[in-house]
Amino acid sequence: MPDLPEECSQKMARVYPKYGIEKPRNTQLRWEVAAELADQRTGRCSSFYKDVKNRFGAK
């Protein structure tokens, strides 16, 4: 198997509230963006390994 792409081993970005600076809804929006990016990355990694599996056969 090829090496795992770098992005596949990254952790999801953490979103911490900025107390006194930011409204709670804005913290939630930043978290939603971080979660969406993590989901996209997971999808790319999954697609990569499905493609590798299909090319070399599942044995």
Protein backbone atom coordinates (compact mmCIF):
# COMPACT_ATOMS: atom_id res chain seq x y z
CA MET A 1 0.00 0.00 0.00
CA PRO A 2 1.18 3.54 -0.67
CA ASP A 3 1.91 5.92 2.18
CA LEU A 4 -1.08 7.59 3.77
CA PRO A 5 -1.53 11.11 2.37
CA GLU A 6 -0.44 13.79 4.84
CA GLU A 7 -3.93 15.27 5.13
CA CYS A 8 -5.37 11.91 6.20
CA SER A 9 -3.48 12.01 9.48
CA GLN A 10 -4.44 15.56 10.44
CA LYS A 11 -6.75 16.11 13.37
CA MET A 12 -9.87 18.25 13.12
CA ALA A 13 -9.19 21.88 13.96
CA ARG A 14 -10.42 22.91 17.39
CA VAL A 15 -12.69 25.88 17.79
CA TYR A 16 -12.48 27.71 21.08
CA PRO A 17 -14.88 30.48 22.07
CA LYS A 18 -13.48 33.97 22.22
CA TYR A 19 -15.15 35.06 25.45
CA GLY A 20 -16.16 38.70 25.50
CA ILE A 21 -15.15 39.17 21.87
CA GLU A 22 -17.41 36.87 19.91
CA LYS A 23 -21.07 35.93 20.08
CA PRO A 24 -21.80 32.25 20.79
CA ARG A 25 -23.41 31.88 17.35
CA ASN A 26 -20.16 32.92 15.68
CA THR A 27 -18.30 30.23 17.62
CA GLN A 28 -20.86 27.72 16.38
CA LEU A 29 -20.38 28.90 12.78
CA ARG A 30 -16.61 28.54 13.05
CA TRP A 31 -17.08 25.02 14.41
CA GLU A 32 -19.39 24.15 11.50
CA VAL A 33 -16.75 25.32 9.02
CA ALA A 34 -14.04 23.27 10.76
CA ALA A 35 -16.29 20.19 10.82
CA GLU A 36 -17.15 20.57 7.12
CA LEU A 37 -13.46 20.81 6.20
CA ALA A 38 -12.70 17.70 8.27
CA ASP A 39 -15.54 15.81 6.56
CA GLN A 40 -14.23 16.82 3.12
CA ARG A 41 -10.73 15.66 4.05
CA THR A 42 -12.09 12.32 5.30
CA GLY A 43 -13.96 11.92 2.02
CA ARG A 44 -10.81 12.57 -0.04
CA CYS A 45 -8.82 10.06 2.01
CA SER A 46 -11.56 7.47 1.73
CA SER A 47 -11.78 7.96 -2.03
CA PHE A 48 -8.02 7.65 -2.37
CA TYR A 49 -7.91 4.29 -0.61
CA LYS A 50 -10.99 2.97 -2.39
CA ASP A 51 -9.29 3.84 -5.67
CA VAL A 52 -6.07 2.09 -4.59
CA LYS A 53 -8.04 -0.97 -3.49
CA ASN A 54 -9.87 -1.12 -6.82
CA ARG A 55 -6.67 -0.73 -8.85
CA PHE A 56 -4.74 -3.43 -7.02
CA GLY A 57 -7.65 -5.70 -6.13
CA ALA A 58 -8.92 -6.65 -2.72
CA LYS A 59 -7.18 -9.81 -1.58
